[in-house]
Structure formats: C-alpha cells, structure tokens
C-alpha cells in the first residue's frame, strides 16, 4: 500500500511496486475529474445564459 500523496509517492523507494499502473490510475483520475468539471461548468454557464 502506498501512502496518499499523488506523484510525490514515486520519490519514496519501494512504496509502489506496479509503477505503470499507478501512473495510469493517476492519469485516469485526472481525466475523469477534468471532463466532469468541464461538463458541470458548461451546464452552469448555459443555465446562467438562459436566465439572463
């Protein structure tokens, strides 16, 4: 188990054994968060324009 700390955990020797999958998981989480934020932000902007 790796401690929580994002990419900084990679600096700890032996903390993560499947490094590639760890990086894939971080990339996937970043992508999901980015797409979700963009989707919600666009809906909020569209709603603000509709009420103006």
N, C-alpha and C. Protein backbone atom coordinates (compact mmCIF):
# COMPACT_ATOMS: atom_id res chain seq x y z
N UNK A 1 0.84 -1.18 0.00
CA UNK A 1 0.00 0.00 0.00
C UNK A 1 0.89 1.25 0.00
N UNK A 2 0.56 2.16 -0.86
CA UNK A 2 1.29 3.42 -0.93
C UNK A 2 0.56 4.48 -0.12
N UNK A 3 1.30 5.34 0.53
CA UNK A 3 0.65 6.44 1.22
C UNK A 3 0.06 7.41 0.20
N UNK A 4 -0.95 8.14 0.62
CA UNK A 4 -1.57 9.09 -0.28
C UNK A 4 -0.63 10.27 -0.47
N UNK A 5 -0.43 10.67 -1.71
CA UNK A 5 0.47 11.79 -1.94
C UNK A 5 0.67 12.07 -3.42
N UNK A 6 -0.13 11.42 -4.27
CA UNK A 6 -0.03 11.69 -5.70
C UNK A 6 1.30 11.27 -6.28
N UNK A 7 1.85 12.10 -7.12
CA UNK A 7 3.10 11.77 -7.80
C UNK A 7 4.30 11.78 -6.87
N UNK A 8 4.19 12.46 -5.73
CA UNK A 8 5.31 12.53 -4.80
C UNK A 8 5.63 11.16 -4.19
N UNK A 9 4.69 10.24 -4.23
CA UNK A 9 4.93 8.90 -3.69
C UNK A 9 5.97 8.17 -4.53
N UNK A 10 6.10 8.55 -5.79
CA UNK A 10 7.10 7.91 -6.66
C UNK A 10 8.52 8.16 -6.18
N UNK A 11 8.72 9.21 -5.39
CA UNK A 11 10.05 9.52 -4.88
C UNK A 11 10.45 8.62 -3.72
N UNK A 12 9.50 7.91 -3.13
CA UNK A 12 9.79 7.02 -2.00
C UNK A 12 10.18 5.66 -2.57
N UNK A 13 11.41 5.22 -2.35
CA UNK A 13 11.84 3.93 -2.91
C UNK A 13 11.03 2.76 -2.34
N UNK A 14 10.50 1.94 -3.23
CA UNK A 14 9.79 0.74 -2.82
C UNK A 14 8.37 0.96 -2.34
N UNK A 15 7.85 2.17 -2.42
CA UNK A 15 6.50 2.44 -1.93
C UNK A 15 5.45 1.88 -2.88
N UNK A 16 5.76 1.84 -4.18
CA UNK A 16 4.81 1.37 -5.19
C UNK A 16 5.51 0.33 -6.05
N UNK A 17 4.89 -0.83 -6.16
CA UNK A 17 5.51 -1.86 -6.98
C UNK A 17 5.02 -1.82 -8.44
N UNK A 18 3.73 -1.69 -8.74
CA UNK A 18 3.34 -1.54 -10.15
C UNK A 18 3.29 -0.05 -10.53
N UNK A 19 4.46 0.53 -10.80
CA UNK A 19 4.55 1.97 -11.05
C UNK A 19 3.72 2.37 -12.26
N UNK A 20 3.74 1.59 -13.31
CA UNK A 20 3.00 1.94 -14.53
C UNK A 20 1.50 2.02 -14.25
N UNK A 21 0.96 1.05 -13.54
CA UNK A 21 -0.47 1.08 -13.23
C UNK A 21 -0.82 2.24 -12.29
N UNK A 22 0.09 2.60 -11.40
CA UNK A 22 -0.12 3.74 -10.53
C UNK A 22 -0.23 5.01 -11.36
N UNK A 23 0.65 5.17 -12.34
CA UNK A 23 0.59 6.35 -13.21
C UNK A 23 -0.66 6.34 -14.08
N UNK A 24 -1.09 5.16 -14.54
CA UNK A 24 -2.33 5.06 -15.32
C UNK A 24 -3.52 5.47 -14.45
N UNK A 25 -3.53 5.05 -13.21
CA UNK A 25 -4.63 5.40 -12.31
C UNK A 25 -4.67 6.91 -12.04
N UNK A 26 -3.51 7.52 -11.87
CA UNK A 26 -3.46 8.97 -11.66
C UNK A 26 -3.94 9.69 -12.92
N UNK A 27 -3.51 9.23 -14.10
CA UNK A 27 -3.94 9.86 -15.35
C UNK A 27 -5.44 9.70 -15.55
N UNK A 28 -5.98 8.52 -15.26
CA UNK A 28 -7.42 8.29 -15.41
C UNK A 28 -8.21 9.17 -14.45
N UNK A 29 -7.78 9.27 -13.23
CA UNK A 29 -8.46 10.13 -12.27
C UNK A 29 -8.42 11.59 -12.67
N UNK A 30 -7.29 12.02 -13.21
CA UNK A 30 -7.17 13.40 -13.68
C UNK A 30 -8.11 13.66 -14.84
N UNK A 31 -8.17 12.71 -15.78
CA UNK A 31 -9.05 12.87 -16.95
C UNK A 31 -10.52 12.90 -16.54
N UNK A 32 -10.93 12.00 -15.67
CA UNK A 32 -12.33 11.96 -15.22
C UNK A 32 -12.68 13.26 -14.50
N UNK A 33 -11.79 13.72 -13.65
CA UNK A 33 -12.05 14.97 -12.92
C UNK A 33 -12.14 16.15 -13.88
N UNK A 34 -11.26 16.21 -14.86
CA UNK A 34 -11.27 17.30 -15.82
C UNK A 34 -12.53 17.31 -16.67
N UNK A 35 -12.92 16.16 -17.18
CA UNK A 35 -14.14 16.08 -18.00
C UNK A 35 -15.39 16.40 -17.18
N UNK A 36 -15.42 15.93 -15.94
CA UNK A 36 -16.57 16.21 -15.08
C UNK A 36 -16.66 17.71 -14.78
N UNK A 37 -15.54 18.32 -14.48
CA UNK A 37 -15.53 19.75 -14.21
C UNK A 37 -15.97 20.55 -15.44
N UNK A 38 -15.44 20.18 -16.61
CA UNK A 38 -15.81 20.89 -17.83
C UNK A 38 -17.30 20.73 -18.13
N UNK A 39 -17.84 19.54 -17.92
CA UNK A 39 -19.26 19.29 -18.16
C UNK A 39 -20.12 20.12 -17.22
N UNK A 40 -19.78 20.10 -15.93
CA UNK A 40 -20.57 20.86 -14.95
C UNK A 40 -20.43 22.36 -15.16
N UNK A 41 -19.25 22.82 -15.51
CA UNK A 41 -19.02 24.24 -15.75
C UNK A 41 -19.83 24.70 -16.97
N UNK A 42 -19.86 23.88 -18.01
CA UNK A 42 -20.62 24.25 -19.21
C UNK A 42 -22.11 24.31 -18.90
N UNK A 43 -22.62 23.35 -18.13
CA UNK A 43 -24.04 23.37 -17.75
C UNK A 43 -24.36 24.62 -16.94
N UNK A 44 -23.47 25.01 -16.04
CA UNK A 44 -23.70 26.20 -15.22
C UNK A 44 -23.70 27.45 -16.08
N UNK A 45 -22.78 27.51 -17.04
CA UNK A 45 -22.71 28.67 -17.94
C UNK A 45 -23.96 28.74 -18.83
N UNK A 46 -24.42 27.59 -19.34
CA UNK A 46 -25.61 27.57 -20.17
C UNK A 46 -26.84 28.00 -19.36
N UNK A 47 -26.91 27.55 -18.13
CA UNK A 47 -28.04 27.91 -17.27
C UNK A 47 -28.03 29.40 -16.95
N UNK A 48 -26.83 29.97 -16.73
CA UNK A 48 -26.72 31.39 -16.44
C UNK A 48 -27.13 32.22 -17.66
N UNK A 49 -26.77 31.77 -18.86
CA UNK A 49 -27.16 32.49 -20.08
C UNK A 49 -28.67 32.41 -20.31
N UNK A 50 -29.27 31.28 -19.96
CA UNK A 50 -30.70 31.11 -20.18
C UNK A 50 -31.52 31.99 -19.25
N UNK A 51 -31.01 32.23 -18.05
CA UNK A 51 -31.76 33.06 -17.10
C UNK A 51 -31.47 34.56 -17.27
N UNK A 52 -30.44 34.90 -18.03
CA UNK A 52 -30.09 36.32 -18.20
C UNK A 52 -30.95 37.00 -19.23
